[in-house]
PDB file of N, CA and C in Angstrom:
ATOM      1  N   UNK A   1     146.747  89.152  64.956  1.00  0.00           N
ATOM      2  CA  UNK A   1     145.927  89.083  66.146  1.00  0.00           C
ATOM      3  C   UNK A   1     144.462  88.998  65.703  1.00  0.00           C
ATOM      4  N   UNK A   2     143.706  88.116  66.299  1.00  0.00           N
ATOM      5  CA  UNK A   2     142.304  87.947  65.921  1.00  0.00           C
ATOM      6  C   UNK A   2     141.422  88.933  66.680  1.00  0.00           C
ATOM      7  N   UNK A   3     140.175  89.016  66.233  1.00  0.00           N
ATOM      8  CA  UNK A   3     139.218  89.915  66.884  1.00  0.00           C
ATOM      9  C   UNK A   3     138.795  89.344  68.230  1.00  0.00           C
ATOM     10  N   UNK A   4     138.467  90.237  69.139  1.00  0.00           N
ATOM     11  CA  UNK A   4     137.981  89.826  70.453  1.00  0.00           C
ATOM     12  C   UNK A   4     136.495  89.509  70.347  1.00  0.00           C
ATOM     13  N   UNK A   5     136.000  88.659  71.207  1.00  0.00           N
ATOM     14  CA  UNK A   5     134.602  88.271  71.203  1.00  0.00           C
ATOM     15  C   UNK A   5     133.703  89.328  71.821  1.00  0.00           C
ATOM     16  N   UNK A   6     132.418  89.118  71.661  1.00  0.00           N
ATOM     17  CA  UNK A   6     131.424  90.031  72.216  1.00  0.00           C
ATOM     18  C   UNK A   6     131.550  90.069  73.734  1.00  0.00           C
ATOM     19  N   UNK A   7     131.645  91.267  74.295  1.00  0.00           N
ATOM     20  CA  UNK A   7     131.723  91.431  75.740  1.00  0.00           C
ATOM     21  C   UNK A   7     133.114  91.284  76.330  1.00  0.00           C
ATOM     22  N   UNK A   8     134.150  91.124  75.503  1.00  0.00           N
ATOM     23  CA  UNK A   8     135.508  90.966  76.008  1.00  0.00           C
ATOM     24  C   UNK A   8     136.264  92.277  76.106  1.00  0.00           C
ATOM     25  N   UNK A   9     135.701  93.361  75.599  1.00  0.00           N
ATOM     26  CA  UNK A   9     136.349  94.652  75.674  1.00  0.00           C
ATOM     27  C   UNK A   9     137.282  94.900  74.505  1.00  0.00           C
ATOM     28  N   UNK A  10     137.846  96.113  74.461  1.00  0.00           N
ATOM     29  CA  UNK A  10     138.771  96.488  73.406  1.00  0.00           C
ATOM     30  C   UNK A  10     140.012  97.127  74.030  1.00  0.00           C
ATOM     31  N   UNK A  11     141.129  97.003  73.320  1.00  0.00           N
ATOM     32  CA  UNK A  11     142.381  97.594  73.773  1.00  0.00           C
ATOM     33  C   UNK A  11     142.994  98.338  72.596  1.00  0.00           C
ATOM     34  N   UNK A  12     143.449  99.562  72.857  1.00  0.00           N
ATOM     35  CA  UNK A  12     144.081 100.347  71.802  1.00  0.00           C
ATOM     36  C   UNK A  12     145.002 101.389  72.393  1.00  0.00           C
ATOM     37  N   UNK A  13     145.786 102.006  71.512  1.00  0.00           N
ATOM     38  CA  UNK A  13     146.729 103.033  71.937  1.00  0.00           C
ATOM     39  C   UNK A  13     146.131 104.403  71.674  1.00  0.00           C
ATOM     40  N   UNK A  14     146.260 105.309  72.637  1.00  0.00           N
ATOM     41  CA  UNK A  14     145.727 106.654  72.487  1.00  0.00           C
ATOM     42  C   UNK A  14     146.766 107.550  71.823  1.00  0.00           C
ATOM     43  N   UNK A  15     146.350 108.752  71.452  1.00  0.00           N
ATOM     44  CA  UNK A  15     147.231 109.686  70.763  1.00  0.00           C
ATOM     45  C   UNK A  15     148.399 110.134  71.630  1.00  0.00           C
ATOM     46  N   UNK A  16     148.218 110.132  72.951  1.00  0.00           N
ATOM     47  CA  UNK A  16     149.304 110.575  73.836  1.00  0.00           C
ATOM     48  C   UNK A  16     150.247 109.439  74.245  1.00  0.00           C
ATOM     49  N   UNK A  17     150.064 108.242  73.685  1.00  0.00           N
ATOM     50  CA  UNK A  17     150.977 107.134  73.927  1.00  0.00           C
ATOM     51  C   UNK A  17     150.552 106.157  74.994  1.00  0.00           C
ATOM     52  N   UNK A  18     149.487 106.458  75.721  1.00  0.00           N
ATOM     53  CA  UNK A  18     148.993 105.521  76.737  1.00  0.00           C
ATOM     54  C   UNK A  18     148.159 104.440  76.060  1.00  0.00           C
ATOM     55  N   UNK A  19     147.949 103.353  76.779  1.00  0.00           N
ATOM     56  CA  UNK A  19     147.082 102.283  76.298  1.00  0.00           C
ATOM     57  C   UNK A  19     145.729 102.409  76.981  1.00  0.00           C
ATOM     58  N   UNK A  20     144.656 102.166  76.223  1.00  0.00           N
ATOM     59  CA  UNK A  20     143.297 102.283  76.743  1.00  0.00           C
ATOM     60  C   UNK A  20     142.574 100.959  76.541  1.00  0.00           C
ATOM     61  N   UNK A  21     141.943 100.476  77.603  1.00  0.00           N
ATOM     62  CA  UNK A  21     141.107  99.274  77.547  1.00  0.00           C
ATOM     63  C   UNK A  21     139.690  99.702  77.906  1.00  0.00           C
ATOM     64  N   UNK A  22     138.703  99.283  77.094  1.00  0.00           N
ATOM     65  CA  UNK A  22     137.321  99.690  77.336  1.00  0.00           C
ATOM     66  C   UNK A  22     136.416  98.468  77.407  1.00  0.00           C
ATOM     67  N   UNK A  23     135.475  98.531  78.355  1.00  0.00           N
ATOM     68  CA  UNK A  23     134.456  97.483  78.474  1.00  0.00           C
ATOM     69  C   UNK A  23     133.088  98.142  78.427  1.00  0.00           C
ATOM     70  N   UNK A  24     132.093  97.357  78.065  1.00  0.00           N
ATOM     71  CA  UNK A  24     130.718  97.834  78.049  1.00  0.00           C
ATOM     72  C   UNK A  24     130.016  97.308  79.290  1.00  0.00           C
ATOM     73  N   UNK A  25     129.423  98.212  80.041  1.00  0.00           N
ATOM     74  CA  UNK A  25     128.711  97.865  81.267  1.00  0.00           C
ATOM     75  C   UNK A  25     127.259  97.539  80.953  1.00  0.00           C
ATOM     76  N   UNK A  26     126.569  96.865  81.872  1.00  0.00           N
ATOM     77  CA  UNK A  26     125.134  96.647  81.680  1.00  0.00           C
ATOM     78  C   UNK A  26     124.430  97.991  81.527  1.00  0.00           C
ATOM     79  N   UNK A  27     123.548  98.076  80.577  1.00  0.00           N
ATOM     80  CA  UNK A  27     122.861  99.330  80.314  1.00  0.00           C
ATOM     81  C   UNK A  27     123.479 100.090  79.150  1.00  0.00           C
ATOM     82  N   UNK A  28     124.589  99.596  78.610  1.00  0.00           N
ATOM     83  CA  UNK A  28     125.188 100.191  77.430  1.00  0.00           C
ATOM     84  C   UNK A  28     126.271 101.223  77.672  1.00  0.00           C
ATOM     85  N   UNK A  29     126.515 101.623  78.918  1.00  0.00           N
ATOM     86  CA  UNK A  29     127.584 102.587  79.176  1.00  0.00           C
ATOM     87  C   UNK A  29     128.938 101.901  79.049  1.00  0.00           C
ATOM     88  N   UNK A  30     129.964 102.700  78.755  1.00  0.00           N
ATOM     89  CA  UNK A  30     131.307 102.170  78.621  1.00  0.00           C
ATOM     90  C   UNK A  30     132.209 102.722  79.712  1.00  0.00           C
ATOM     91  N   UNK A  31     133.184 101.919  80.098  1.00  0.00           N
ATOM     92  CA  UNK A  31     134.154 102.308  81.121  1.00  0.00           C
ATOM     93  C   UNK A  31     135.542 102.082  80.537  1.00  0.00           C
ATOM     94  N   UNK A  32     136.416 103.067  80.690  1.00  0.00           N
ATOM     95  CA  UNK A  32     137.769 102.984  80.144  1.00  0.00           C
ATOM     96  C   UNK A  32     138.785 102.850  81.268  1.00  0.00           C
ATOM     97  N   UNK A  33     139.825 102.071  81.001  1.00  0.00           N
ATOM     98  CA  UNK A  33     140.949 101.888  81.911  1.00  0.00           C
ATOM     99  C   UNK A  33     142.221 102.205  81.138  1.00  0.00           C
ATOM    100  N   UNK A  34     143.149 102.916  81.770  1.00  0.00           N
ATOM    101  CA  UNK A  34     144.366 103.349  81.108  1.00  0.00           C
ATOM    102  C   UNK A  34     145.584 102.760  81.779  1.00  0.00           C
ATOM    103  N   UNK A  35     146.652 102.576  80.986  1.00  0.00           N
ATOM    104  CA  UNK A  35     147.908 102.093  81.520  1.00  0.00           C
ATOM    105  C   UNK A  35     149.069 102.570  80.675  1.00  0.00           C
ATOM    106  N   UNK A  36     150.264 102.533  81.240  1.00  0.00           N
ATOM    107  CA  UNK A  36     151.453 102.931  80.495  1.00  0.00           C
ATOM    108  C   UNK A  36     151.826 101.888  79.456  1.00  0.00           C
ATOM    109  N   UNK A  37     151.527 100.608  79.759  1.00  0.00           N
ATOM    110  CA  UNK A  37     151.821  99.527  78.821  1.00  0.00           C
ATOM    111  C   UNK A  37     150.525  98.806  78.477  1.00  0.00           C
ATOM    112  N   UNK A  38     150.574  98.033  77.389  1.00  0.00           N
ATOM    113  CA  UNK A  38     149.394  97.260  76.968  1.00  0.00           C
ATOM    114  C   UNK A  38     149.027  96.247  78.048  1.00  0.00           C
ATOM    115  N   UNK A  39     150.034  95.626  78.617  1.00  0.00           N
ATOM    116  CA  UNK A  39     149.798  94.613  79.643  1.00  0.00           C
ATOM    117  C   UNK A  39     149.103  95.212  80.865  1.00  0.00           C
ATOM    118  N   UNK A  40     149.528  96.410  81.263  1.00  0.00           N
ATOM    119  CA  UNK A  40     148.922  97.068  82.423  1.00  0.00           C
ATOM    120  C   UNK A  40     147.442  97.375  82.174  1.00  0.00           C
ATOM    121  N   UNK A  41     147.133  97.897  80.989  1.00  0.00           N
ATOM    122  CA  UNK A  41     145.743  98.194  80.652  1.00  0.00           C
ATOM    123  C   UNK A  41     144.919  96.909  80.571  1.00  0.00           C
ATOM    124  N   UNK A  42     145.498  95.862  80.010  1.00  0.00           N
ATOM    125  CA  UNK A  42     144.793  94.591  79.885  1.00  0.00           C
ATOM    126  C   UNK A  42     144.517  93.971  81.254  1.00  0.00           C
ATOM    127  N   UNK A  43     145.459  94.084  82.188  1.00  0.00           N
ATOM    128  CA  UNK A  43     145.248  93.548  83.535  1.00  0.00           C
ATOM    129  C   UNK A  43     144.113  94.277  84.247  1.00  0.00           C
ATOM    130  N   UNK A  44     144.050  95.598  84.083  1.00  0.00           N
ATOM    131  CA  UNK A  44     142.964  96.365  84.690  1.00  0.00           C
ATOM    132  C   UNK A  44     141.620  95.967  84.094  1.00  0.00           C
ATOM    133  N   UNK A  45     141.585  95.759  82.767  1.00  0.00           N
ATOM    134  CA  UNK A  45     140.350  95.358  82.104  1.00  0.00           C
ATOM    135  C   UNK A  45     139.931  93.956  82.543  1.00  0.00           C
ATOM    136  N   UNK A  46     140.883  93.051  82.645  1.00  0.00           N
ATOM    137  CA  UNK A  46     140.578  91.681  83.062  1.00  0.00           C
ATOM    138  C   UNK A  46     140.009  91.653  84.471  1.00  0.00           C
ATOM    139  N   UNK A  47     140.587  92.448  85.359  1.00  0.00           N
ATOM    140  CA  UNK A  47     140.082  92.530  86.735  1.00  0.00           C
ATOM    141  C   UNK A  47     138.654  93.090  86.762  1.00  0.00           C
ATOM    142  N   UNK A  48     138.393  94.104  85.949  1.00  0.00           N
ATOM    143  CA  UNK A  48     137.056  94.695  85.893  1.00  0.00           C
ATOM    144  C   UNK A  48     136.046  93.698  85.331  1.00  0.00           C
ATOM    145  N   UNK A  49     136.433  92.939  84.303  1.00  0.00           N
ATOM    146  CA  UNK A  49     135.526  91.933  83.732  1.00  0.00           C
ATOM    147  C   UNK A  49     135.253  90.820  84.739  1.00  0.00           C
ATOM    148  N   UNK A  50     136.263  90.447  85.514  1.00  0.00           N
ATOM    149  CA  UNK A  50     136.084  89.411  86.538  1.00  0.00           C
ATOM    150  C   UNK A  50     135.086  89.891  87.595  1.00  0.00           C
ATOM    151  N   UNK A  51     135.231  91.139  88.028  1.00  0.00           N
ATOM    152  CA  UNK A  51     134.298  91.700  89.001  1.00  0.00           C
ATOM    153  C   UNK A  51     132.895  91.804  88.413  1.00  0.00           C
ATOM    154  N   UNK A  52     132.810  92.179  87.143  1.00  0.00           N
ATOM    155  CA  UNK A  52     131.517  92.306  86.481  1.00  0.00           C
ATOM    156  C   UNK A  52     130.805  90.958  86.398  1.00  0.00           C
ATOM    157  N   UNK A  53     131.557  89.886  86.159  1.00  0.00           N
ATOM    158  CA  UNK A  53     130.968  88.549  86.120  1.00  0.00           C
ATOM    159  C   UNK A  53     130.489  88.092  87.494  1.00  0.00           C
ATOM    160  N   UNK A  54     131.118  88.623  88.556  1.00  0.00           N
ATOM    161  CA  UNK A  54     130.685  88.308  89.922  1.00  0.00           C
ATOM    162  C   UNK A  54     129.478  89.136  90.343  1.00  0.00           C
ATOM    163  N   UNK A  55     129.118  90.147  89.537  1.00  0.00           N
ATOM    164  CA  UNK A  55     127.980  90.991  89.856  1.00  0.00           C
ATOM    165  C   UNK A  55     128.352  92.308  90.502  1.00  0.00           C
ATOM    166  N   UNK A  56     129.646  92.603  90.581  1.00  0.00           N
ATOM    167  CA  UNK A  56     130.113  93.848  91.185  1.00  0.00           C
ATOM    168  C   UNK A  56     130.369  94.848  90.063  1.00  0.00           C
ATOM    169  N   UNK A  57     129.619  95.933  90.060  1.00  0.00           N
ATOM    170  CA  UNK A  57     129.815  96.948  89.036  1.00  0.00           C
ATOM    171  C   UNK A  57     131.010  97.817  89.395  1.00  0.00           C
ATOM    172  N   UNK A  58     131.821  98.198  88.387  1.00  0.00           N
ATOM    173  CA  UNK A  58     132.948  99.086  88.690  1.00  0.00           C
ATOM    174  C   UNK A  58     132.445 100.463  89.095  1.00  0.00           C
ATOM    175  N   UNK A  59     133.184 101.148  89.942  1.00  0.00           N
ATOM    176  CA  UNK A  59     132.736 102.477  90.377  1.00  0.00           C
ATOM    177  C   UNK A  59     132.742 103.454  89.214  1.00  0.00           C
ATOM    178  N   UNK A  60     131.715 104.261  89.149  1.00  0.00           N
ATOM    179  CA  UNK A  60     131.652 105.310  88.144  1.00  0.00           C
ATOM    180  C   UNK A  60     132.074 106.617  88.790  1.00  0.00           C
ATOM    181  N   UNK A  61     132.200 107.636  88.015  1.00  0.00           N
ATOM    182  CA  UNK A  61     132.632 108.913  88.540  1.00  0.00           C
ATOM    183  C   UNK A  61     131.584 109.594  89.400  1.00  0.00           C
ATOM    184  N   UNK A  62     130.342 109.114  89.331  1.00  0.00           N
ATOM    185  CA  UNK A  62     129.261 109.770  90.058  1.00  0.00           C
ATOM    186  C   UNK A  62     128.697 108.837  91.117  1.00  0.00           C
ATOM    187  N   UNK A  63     128.485 109.387  92.284  1.00  0.00           N
ATOM    188  CA  UNK A  63     127.909 108.634  93.393  1.00  0.00           C
ATOM    189  C   UNK A  63     126.591 109.303  93.767  1.00  0.00           C
ATOM    190  N   UNK A  64     125.501 108.581  93.647  1.00  0.00           N
ATOM    191  CA  UNK A  64     124.210 109.136  94.027  1.00  0.00           C
ATOM    192  C   UNK A  64     123.931 108.818  95.492  1.00  0.00           C
ATOM    193  N   UNK A  65     123.038 109.577  96.071  1.00  0.00           N
ATOM    194  CA  UNK A  65     122.677 109.346  97.465  1.00  0.00           C
ATOM    195  C   UNK A  65     122.030 107.971  97.630  1.00  0.00           C
ATOM    196  N   UNK A  66     121.177 107.604  96.690  1.00  0.00           N
ATOM    197  CA  UNK A  66     120.523 106.303  96.758  1.00  0.00           C
ATOM    198  C   UNK A  66     121.509 105.153  96.713  1.00  0.00           C
ATOM    199  N   UNK A  67     122.507 105.253  95.823  1.00  0.00           N
ATOM    200  CA  UNK A  67     123.521 104.203  95.705  1.00  0.00           C
ATOM    201  C   UNK A  67     124.373 104.151  96.973  1.00  0.00           C
ATOM    202  N   UNK A  68     124.740 105.309  97.506  1.00  0.00           N
ATOM    203  CA  UNK A  68     125.525 105.350  98.732  1.00  0.00           C
ATOM    204  C   UNK A  68     124.777 104.699  99.889  1.00  0.00           C
ATOM    205  N   UNK A  69     123.505 105.057 100.055  1.00  0.00           N
ATOM    206  CA  UNK A  69     122.729 104.493 101.161  1.00  0.00           C
ATOM    207  C   UNK A  69     122.531 102.999 101.014  1.00  0.00           C
ATOM    208  N   UNK A  70     122.311 102.538  99.788  1.00  0.00           N
ATOM    209  CA  UNK A  70     122.151 101.096  99.566  1.00  0.00           C
ATOM    210  C   UNK A  70     123.429 100.342  99.932  1.00  0.00           C
ATOM    211  N   UNK A  71     124.572 100.874  99.534  1.00  0.00           N
ATOM    212  CA  UNK A  71     125.834 100.236  99.887  1.00  0.00           C
ATOM    213  C   UNK A  71     126.104 100.322 101.377  1.00  0.00           C
ATOM    214  N   UNK A  72     125.772 101.446 101.972  1.00  0.00           N
ATOM    215  CA  UNK A  72     126.017 101.653 103.396  1.00  0.00           C
ATOM    216  C   UNK A  72     125.158 100.680 104.228  1.00  0.00           C
ATOM    217  N   UNK A  73     123.912 100.482 103.820  1.00  0.00           N
ATOM    218  CA  UNK A  73     123.036  99.574 104.565  1.00  0.00           C
ATOM    219  C   UNK A  73     123.497  98.129 104.450  1.00  0.00           C
ATOM    220  N   UNK A  74     124.029  97.719 103.302  1.00  0.00           N
ATOM    221  CA  UNK A  74     124.479  96.335 103.144  1.00  0.00           C
ATOM    222  C   UNK A  74     125.824  96.106 103.811  1.00  0.00           C
ATOM    223  N   UNK A  75     126.637  97.123 103.915  1.00  0.00           N
ATOM    224  CA  UNK A  75     127.957  96.971 104.554  1.00  0.00           C
ATOM    225  C   UNK A  75     127.793  97.156 106.020  1.00  0.00           C
TER     226      UNK A  75
END
């Protein structure tokens, strides 16, 4: 298997047997997606990269008031 290109993310197996897919977000933060199979983790990563290319950032664990209000006003 060849190396993945810059910005394509990484996929690996964790110690507990799950598969982990990671992407780098704008600003340098990383986001991880987990799955029971490699294919499941890869599909989640592909969907996140597709959304990222459209300009939609994946949800993070933290929601600020400013971000909530900005989304609420646009929706």
